[in-house]
């Protein structure tokens, strides 16, 4: 269960907010897509994903060798409201736009055969 303290502690980090913004927009991404879009080393992205997963903000699914992350469907309503309120901010932010642009230019993105 996502607690208020864990939610906002996780939100206090810029990298985690960038990850959450991408997931809020795309619905589901694998680690390779996130590390490419964020232009960060994969271990750093994985560490941030672990923090977000531990707070209950993310869920994951495995498809063969790929692990996909998405915002947790069990997110409390107040958490969903925070994400909804930030959509406009994230869409107009230059750093988020650059993350989105990098993601769109990624070659060989994994195909999703079983998206939930």
C-alpha atoms as a PDB file:
ATOM      1  CA  UNK A   1       0.000   0.000   0.000  1.00  0.00           C
ATOM      2  CA  UNK A   2       1.259   3.448  -0.914  1.00  0.00           C
ATOM      3  CA  UNK A   3       1.599   5.706   2.107  1.00  0.00           C
ATOM      4  CA  UNK A   4       1.590   9.476   1.892  1.00  0.00           C
ATOM      5  CA  UNK A   5       5.113   9.681   3.325  1.00  0.00           C
ATOM      6  CA  UNK A   6       6.546   7.100   0.909  1.00  0.00           C
ATOM      7  CA  UNK A   7       4.742   8.673  -2.031  1.00  0.00           C
ATOM      8  CA  UNK A   8       6.165  12.139  -1.447  1.00  0.00           C
ATOM      9  CA  UNK A   9       9.605  10.838  -0.450  1.00  0.00           C
ATOM     10  CA  UNK A  10       9.742   9.050  -3.812  1.00  0.00           C
ATOM     11  CA  UNK A  11       8.417  12.159  -5.561  1.00  0.00           C
ATOM     12  CA  UNK A  12      11.185  14.285  -4.028  1.00  0.00           C
ATOM     13  CA  UNK A  13      13.752  12.926  -6.505  1.00  0.00           C
ATOM     14  CA  UNK A  14      13.912  14.430 -10.000  1.00  0.00           C
ATOM     15  CA  UNK A  15      14.907  11.160 -11.685  1.00  0.00           C
ATOM     16  CA  UNK A  16      11.957   9.348 -10.140  1.00  0.00           C
ATOM     17  CA  UNK A  17       9.598  12.128 -11.240  1.00  0.00           C
ATOM     18  CA  UNK A  18      10.954  11.778 -14.783  1.00  0.00           C
ATOM     19  CA  UNK A  19      10.359   8.012 -14.656  1.00  0.00           C
ATOM     20  CA  UNK A  20       6.837   8.526 -13.344  1.00  0.00           C
ATOM     21  CA  UNK A  21       6.100  11.121 -16.022  1.00  0.00           C
ATOM     22  CA  UNK A  22       7.186   8.727 -18.774  1.00  0.00           C
ATOM     23  CA  UNK A  23       5.143   5.889 -17.322  1.00  0.00           C
ATOM     24  CA  UNK A  24       2.108   8.132 -16.851  1.00  0.00           C
ATOM     25  CA  UNK A  25       2.319   9.066 -20.527  1.00  0.00           C
ATOM     26  CA  UNK A  26       3.294   5.719 -22.063  1.00  0.00           C
ATOM     27  CA  UNK A  27       1.468   3.374 -19.716  1.00  0.00           C
ATOM     28  CA  UNK A  28       4.204   0.758 -19.671  1.00  0.00           C
ATOM     29  CA  UNK A  29       7.947   0.759 -20.368  1.00  0.00           C
ATOM     30  CA  UNK A  30      10.852  -1.607 -19.874  1.00  0.00           C
ATOM     31  CA  UNK A  31      14.115  -0.677 -18.183  1.00  0.00           C
ATOM     32  CA  UNK A  32      15.910  -0.388 -21.535  1.00  0.00           C
ATOM     33  CA  UNK A  33      13.369   2.183 -22.757  1.00  0.00           C
ATOM     34  CA  UNK A  34      13.594   4.189 -19.543  1.00  0.00           C
ATOM     35  CA  UNK A  35      17.388   4.227 -19.482  1.00  0.00           C
ATOM     36  CA  UNK A  36      17.436   5.306 -23.135  1.00  0.00           C
ATOM     37  CA  UNK A  37      14.820   8.044 -22.669  1.00  0.00           C
ATOM     38  CA  UNK A  38      16.450   9.377 -19.508  1.00  0.00           C
ATOM     39  CA  UNK A  39      19.972   9.114 -20.978  1.00  0.00           C
ATOM     40  CA  UNK A  40      21.192   7.527 -17.733  1.00  0.00           C
ATOM     41  CA  UNK A  41      23.073   4.336 -16.907  1.00  0.00           C
ATOM     42  CA  UNK A  42      20.817   1.303 -16.598  1.00  0.00           C
ATOM     43  CA  UNK A  43      21.895   0.509 -12.984  1.00  0.00           C
ATOM     44  CA  UNK A  44      20.885   4.016 -11.873  1.00  0.00           C
ATOM     45  CA  UNK A  45      17.471   3.702 -13.530  1.00  0.00           C
ATOM     46  CA  UNK A  46      16.998   0.235 -12.012  1.00  0.00           C
ATOM     47  CA  UNK A  47      17.817   1.573  -8.552  1.00  0.00           C
ATOM     48  CA  UNK A  48      15.168   4.288  -8.893  1.00  0.00           C
ATOM     49  CA  UNK A  49      12.648   1.761 -10.212  1.00  0.00           C
ATOM     50  CA  UNK A  50      13.328  -0.370  -7.144  1.00  0.00           C
ATOM     51  CA  UNK A  51      12.559   2.562  -4.852  1.00  0.00           C
ATOM     52  CA  UNK A  52       9.312   3.275  -6.704  1.00  0.00           C
ATOM     53  CA  UNK A  53       8.337  -0.396  -6.666  1.00  0.00           C
ATOM     54  CA  UNK A  54       9.092  -0.656  -2.934  1.00  0.00           C
ATOM     55  CA  UNK A  55       6.761   2.278  -2.227  1.00  0.00           C
ATOM     56  CA  UNK A  56       3.959   0.531  -4.113  1.00  0.00           C
ATOM     57  CA  UNK A  57       3.829   3.169  -6.852  1.00  0.00           C
ATOM     58  CA  UNK A  58       4.829   0.758  -9.632  1.00  0.00           C
ATOM     59  CA  UNK A  59       3.876  -2.709 -10.673  1.00  0.00           C
ATOM     60  CA  UNK A  60       5.834  -4.911 -13.043  1.00  0.00           C
ATOM     61  CA  UNK A  61       5.277  -7.833 -15.330  1.00  0.00           C
ATOM     62  CA  UNK A  62       7.707 -10.184 -17.002  1.00  0.00           C
ATOM     63  CA  UNK A  63       7.443 -11.151 -20.654  1.00  0.00           C
ATOM     64  CA  UNK A  64      10.285 -13.518 -21.501  1.00  0.00           C
ATOM     65  CA  UNK A  65      13.495 -11.664 -20.713  1.00  0.00           C
ATOM     66  CA  UNK A  66      11.775  -8.270 -20.567  1.00  0.00           C
ATOM     67  CA  UNK A  67      10.445  -6.672 -17.407  1.00  0.00           C
ATOM     68  CA  UNK A  68       7.855  -3.964 -17.929  1.00  0.00           C
ATOM     69  CA  UNK A  69       6.885  -1.312 -15.399  1.00  0.00           C
ATOM     70  CA  UNK A  70       3.685   0.662 -15.077  1.00  0.00           C
ATOM     71  CA  UNK A  71       1.978   2.821 -12.477  1.00  0.00           C
ATOM     72  CA  UNK A  72       0.438   0.528  -9.886  1.00  0.00           C
ATOM     73  CA  UNK A  73      -3.264  -0.053 -10.499  1.00  0.00           C
ATOM     74  CA  UNK A  74      -3.663  -0.151  -6.697  1.00  0.00           C
ATOM     75  CA  UNK A  75      -2.561   3.488  -6.458  1.00  0.00           C
ATOM     76  CA  UNK A  76      -4.836   5.321  -4.000  1.00  0.00           C
ATOM     77  CA  UNK A  77      -7.263   7.825  -5.489  1.00  0.00           C
ATOM     78  CA  UNK A  78      -5.355  10.743  -3.986  1.00  0.00           C
ATOM     79  CA  UNK A  79      -2.175   9.478  -5.700  1.00  0.00           C
ATOM     80  CA  UNK A  80      -3.994   9.230  -9.040  1.00  0.00           C
ATOM     81  CA  UNK A  81      -5.225  12.796  -8.488  1.00  0.00           C
ATOM     82  CA  UNK A  82      -1.625  14.003  -8.010  1.00  0.00           C
ATOM     83  CA  UNK A  83      -0.606  12.353 -11.301  1.00  0.00           C
ATOM     84  CA  UNK A  84      -3.614  13.835 -13.092  1.00  0.00           C
ATOM     85  CA  UNK A  85      -2.821  17.299 -11.740  1.00  0.00           C
ATOM     86  CA  UNK A  86       0.791  17.046 -12.958  1.00  0.00           C
ATOM     87  CA  UNK A  87       0.038  15.935 -16.524  1.00  0.00           C
ATOM     88  CA  UNK A  88      -0.087  19.474 -17.889  1.00  0.00           C
ATOM     89  CA  UNK A  89       3.072  20.459 -16.021  1.00  0.00           C
ATOM     90  CA  UNK A  90       4.937  17.394 -17.294  1.00  0.00           C
ATOM     91  CA  UNK A  91       3.774  17.902 -20.884  1.00  0.00           C
ATOM     92  CA  UNK A  92       5.017  21.498 -20.957  1.00  0.00           C
ATOM     93  CA  UNK A  93       8.349  20.857 -19.185  1.00  0.00           C
ATOM     94  CA  UNK A  94      11.387  21.006 -21.501  1.00  0.00           C
ATOM     95  CA  UNK A  95      13.238  18.174 -19.730  1.00  0.00           C
ATOM     96  CA  UNK A  96      10.193  15.884 -19.979  1.00  0.00           C
ATOM     97  CA  UNK A  97       9.771  16.784 -23.654  1.00  0.00           C
ATOM     98  CA  UNK A  98      13.397  15.804 -24.268  1.00  0.00           C
ATOM     99  CA  UNK A  99      12.843  12.472 -22.470  1.00  0.00           C
ATOM    100  CA  UNK A 100       9.792  11.839 -24.666  1.00  0.00           C
ATOM    101  CA  UNK A 101      11.707  12.788 -27.817  1.00  0.00           C
ATOM    102  CA  UNK A 102      14.565  10.414 -26.988  1.00  0.00           C
ATOM    103  CA  UNK A 103      12.095   7.607 -26.352  1.00  0.00           C
ATOM    104  CA  UNK A 104      10.450   8.186 -29.745  1.00  0.00           C
ATOM    105  CA  UNK A 105      13.818   7.919 -31.512  1.00  0.00           C
ATOM    106  CA  UNK A 106      14.853   4.654 -29.812  1.00  0.00           C
ATOM    107  CA  UNK A 107      15.602   1.865 -32.267  1.00  0.00           C
ATOM    108  CA  UNK A 108      14.642  -1.740 -31.531  1.00  0.00           C
ATOM    109  CA  UNK A 109      12.115  -1.035 -28.801  1.00  0.00           C
ATOM    110  CA  UNK A 110      10.767  -4.297 -27.435  1.00  0.00           C
ATOM    111  CA  UNK A 111       7.449  -5.423 -28.851  1.00  0.00           C
ATOM    112  CA  UNK A 112       4.638  -5.860 -26.378  1.00  0.00           C
ATOM    113  CA  UNK A 113       2.794  -9.063 -26.978  1.00  0.00           C
ATOM    114  CA  UNK A 114       0.930  -9.285 -23.690  1.00  0.00           C
ATOM    115  CA  UNK A 115       0.448  -5.756 -22.365  1.00  0.00           C
ATOM    116  CA  UNK A 116      -1.874  -5.658 -19.404  1.00  0.00           C
END
